[in-house]
Amino acid sequence: MSARPQNFGQYQIFPELIYRIKETEAITYKKQKENWD
């Protein structure tokens, strides 16, 4: 049980990390699309 509270902080940060990566990918994709047109 002692391992759970230690790892809890990482799970709080993880969704935000994924969101930032997805956001960056979306911006990059938009820029690429503009260049293709």
PDB file of N, CA and C in Angstrom:
ATOM      1  N   MET A   1       0.830  -1.224   0.000  1.00  0.00           N
ATOM      2  CA  MET A   1       0.000   0.000   0.000  1.00  0.00           C
ATOM      3  C   MET A   1       0.860   1.269   0.000  1.00  0.00           C
ATOM      4  N   SER A   2       2.097   1.166   0.498  1.00  0.00           N
ATOM      5  CA  SER A   2       2.931   2.363   0.626  1.00  0.00           C
ATOM      6  C   SER A   2       3.366   2.902  -0.740  1.00  0.00           C
ATOM      7  N   ALA A   3       3.362   2.039  -1.757  1.00  0.00           N
ATOM      8  CA  ALA A   3       3.787   2.468  -3.091  1.00  0.00           C
ATOM      9  C   ALA A   3       2.756   3.386  -3.754  1.00  0.00           C
ATOM     10  N   ARG A   4       1.491   3.227  -3.377  1.00  0.00           N
ATOM     11  CA  ARG A   4       0.415   3.988  -4.025  1.00  0.00           C
ATOM     12  C   ARG A   4       0.524   5.503  -3.834  1.00  0.00           C
ATOM     13  N   PRO A   5       0.658   5.999  -2.602  1.00  0.00           N
ATOM     14  CA  PRO A   5       0.748   7.449  -2.426  1.00  0.00           C
ATOM     15  C   PRO A   5       1.978   8.058  -3.105  1.00  0.00           C
ATOM     16  N   GLN A   6       3.070   7.321  -3.166  1.00  0.00           N
ATOM     17  CA  GLN A   6       4.290   7.819  -3.807  1.00  0.00           C
ATOM     18  C   GLN A   6       4.061   8.059  -5.301  1.00  0.00           C
ATOM     19  N   ASN A   7       3.358   7.140  -5.943  1.00  0.00           N
ATOM     20  CA  ASN A   7       3.143   7.235  -7.387  1.00  0.00           C
ATOM     21  C   ASN A   7       1.999   8.169  -7.768  1.00  0.00           C
ATOM     22  N   PHE A   8       1.205   8.564  -6.783  1.00  0.00           N
ATOM     23  CA  PHE A   8      -0.004   9.339  -7.081  1.00  0.00           C
ATOM     24  C   PHE A   8       0.327  10.672  -7.743  1.00  0.00           C
ATOM     25  N   GLY A   9       1.418  11.314  -7.310  1.00  0.00           N
ATOM     26  CA  GLY A   9       1.813  12.594  -7.891  1.00  0.00           C
ATOM     27  C   GLY A   9       2.125  12.487  -9.374  1.00  0.00           C
ATOM     28  N   GLN A  10       2.694  11.358  -9.783  1.00  0.00           N
ATOM     29  CA  GLN A  10       3.031  11.167 -11.192  1.00  0.00           C
ATOM     30  C   GLN A  10       1.767  11.088 -12.048  1.00  0.00           C
ATOM     31  N   TYR A  11       0.732  10.434 -11.503  1.00  0.00           N
ATOM     32  CA  TYR A  11      -0.510  10.297 -12.268  1.00  0.00           C
ATOM     33  C   TYR A  11      -1.236  11.635 -12.419  1.00  0.00           C
ATOM     34  N   GLN A  12      -0.988  12.556 -11.483  1.00  0.00           N
ATOM     35  CA  GLN A  12      -1.589  13.886 -11.586  1.00  0.00           C
ATOM     36  C   GLN A  12      -0.964  14.663 -12.751  1.00  0.00           C
ATOM     37  N   ILE A  13       0.345  14.499 -12.938  1.00  0.00           N
ATOM     38  CA  ILE A  13       1.081  15.254 -13.962  1.00  0.00           C
ATOM     39  C   ILE A  13       0.894  14.616 -15.349  1.00  0.00           C
ATOM     40  N   PHE A  14       0.713  13.293 -15.379  1.00  0.00           N
ATOM     41  CA  PHE A  14       0.722  12.555 -16.638  1.00  0.00           C
ATOM     42  C   PHE A  14      -0.331  13.015 -17.650  1.00  0.00           C
ATOM     43  N   PRO A  15      -1.608  13.202 -17.260  1.00  0.00           N
ATOM     44  CA  PRO A  15      -2.616  13.663 -18.219  1.00  0.00           C
ATOM     45  C   PRO A  15      -2.272  15.027 -18.827  1.00  0.00           C
ATOM     46  N   GLU A  16      -1.690  15.914 -18.023  1.00  0.00           N
ATOM     47  CA  GLU A  16      -1.306  17.228 -18.530  1.00  0.00           C
ATOM     48  C   GLU A  16      -0.188  17.094 -19.548  1.00  0.00           C
ATOM     49  N   LEU A  17       0.729  16.154 -19.297  1.00  0.00           N
ATOM     50  CA  LEU A  17       1.843  15.911 -20.217  1.00  0.00           C
ATOM     51  C   LEU A  17       1.311  15.426 -21.564  1.00  0.00           C
ATOM     52  N   ILE A  18       0.375  14.471 -21.519  1.00  0.00           N
ATOM     53  CA  ILE A  18      -0.233  13.946 -22.748  1.00  0.00           C
ATOM     54  C   ILE A  18      -0.947  15.067 -23.497  1.00  0.00           C
ATOM     55  N   TYR A  19      -1.695  15.908 -22.761  1.00  0.00           N
ATOM     56  CA  TYR A  19      -2.430  17.008 -23.374  1.00  0.00           C
ATOM     57  C   TYR A  19      -1.482  17.962 -24.094  1.00  0.00           C
ATOM     58  N   ARG A  20      -0.356  18.271 -23.465  1.00  0.00           N
ATOM     59  CA  ARG A  20       0.615  19.203 -24.071  1.00  0.00           C
ATOM     60  C   ARG A  20       1.231  18.611 -25.319  1.00  0.00           C
ATOM     61  N   ILE A  21       1.506  17.304 -25.286  1.00  0.00           N
ATOM     62  CA  ILE A  21       2.080  16.631 -26.460  1.00  0.00           C
ATOM     63  C   ILE A  21       1.070  16.637 -27.605  1.00  0.00           C
ATOM     64  N   LYS A  22      -0.173  16.315 -27.295  1.00  0.00           N
ATOM     65  CA  LYS A  22      -1.231  16.304 -28.327  1.00  0.00           C
ATOM     66  C   LYS A  22      -1.415  17.700 -28.918  1.00  0.00           C
ATOM     67  N   GLU A  23      -1.378  18.718 -28.057  1.00  0.00           N
ATOM     68  CA  GLU A  23      -1.546  20.097 -28.495  1.00  0.00           C
ATOM     69  C   GLU A  23      -0.405  20.490 -29.436  1.00  0.00           C
ATOM     70  N   THR A  24       0.816  20.106 -29.070  1.00  0.00           N
ATOM     71  CA  THR A  24       1.985  20.405 -29.902  1.00  0.00           C
ATOM     72  C   THR A  24       1.876  19.698 -31.247  1.00  0.00           C
ATOM     73  N   GLU A  25       1.428  18.434 -31.225  1.00  0.00           N
ATOM     74  CA  GLU A  25       1.259  17.675 -32.468  1.00  0.00           C
ATOM     75  C   GLU A  25       0.218  18.328 -33.359  1.00  0.00           C
ATOM     76  N   ALA A  26      -0.862  18.820 -32.771  1.00  0.00           N
ATOM     77  CA  ALA A  26      -1.932  19.451 -33.538  1.00  0.00           C
ATOM     78  C   ALA A  26      -1.427  20.729 -34.210  1.00  0.00           C
ATOM     79  N   ILE A  27      -0.629  21.515 -33.486  1.00  0.00           N
ATOM     80  CA  ILE A  27      -0.068  22.749 -34.052  1.00  0.00           C
ATOM     81  C   ILE A  27       0.886  22.409 -35.192  1.00  0.00           C
ATOM     82  N   THR A  28       1.732  21.399 -34.979  1.00  0.00           N
ATOM     83  CA  THR A  28       2.677  20.970 -36.011  1.00  0.00           C
ATOM     84  C   THR A  28       1.923  20.480 -37.243  1.00  0.00           C
ATOM     85  N   TYR A  29       0.855  19.729 -37.027  1.00  0.00           N
ATOM     86  CA  TYR A  29       0.056  19.181 -38.133  1.00  0.00           C
ATOM     87  C   TYR A  29      -0.578  20.305 -38.939  1.00  0.00           C
ATOM     88  N   LYS A  30      -1.090  21.330 -38.254  1.00  0.00           N
ATOM     89  CA  LYS A  30      -1.703  22.470 -38.939  1.00  0.00           C
ATOM     90  C   LYS A  30      -0.677  23.192 -39.803  1.00  0.00           C
ATOM     91  N   LYS A  31       0.526  23.379 -39.263  1.00  0.00           N
ATOM     92  CA  LYS A  31       1.583  24.063 -40.006  1.00  0.00           C
ATOM     93  C   LYS A  31       1.978  23.267 -41.241  1.00  0.00           C
ATOM     94  N   GLN A  32       2.064  21.947 -41.099  1.00  0.00           N
ATOM     95  CA  GLN A  32       2.407  21.087 -42.231  1.00  0.00           C
ATOM     96  C   GLN A  32       1.326  21.157 -43.299  1.00  0.00           C
ATOM     97  N   LYS A  33       0.080  21.171 -42.877  1.00  0.00           N
ATOM     98  CA  LYS A  33      -1.043  21.222 -43.810  1.00  0.00           C
ATOM     99  C   LYS A  33      -1.020  22.532 -44.597  1.00  0.00           C
ATOM    100  N   GLU A  34      -0.704  23.620 -43.915  1.00  0.00           N
ATOM    101  CA  GLU A  34      -0.608  24.914 -44.593  1.00  0.00           C
ATOM    102  C   GLU A  34       0.505  24.894 -45.631  1.00  0.00           C
ATOM    103  N   ASN A  35       1.598  24.238 -45.306  1.00  0.00           N
ATOM    104  CA  ASN A  35       2.726  24.162 -46.237  1.00  0.00           C
ATOM    105  C   ASN A  35       2.377  23.304 -47.444  1.00  0.00           C
ATOM    106  N   TRP A  36       1.584  22.252 -47.247  1.00  0.00           N
ATOM    107  CA  TRP A  36       1.200  21.376 -48.343  1.00  0.00           C
ATOM    108  C   TRP A  36       0.272  22.105 -49.320  1.00  0.00           C
ATOM    109  N   ASP A  37      -0.608  22.948 -48.803  1.00  0.00           N
ATOM    110  CA  ASP A  37      -1.522  23.698 -49.657  1.00  0.00           C
ATOM    111  C   ASP A  37      -0.725  24.767 -50.399  1.00  0.00           C
TER     112      ASP A  37
END
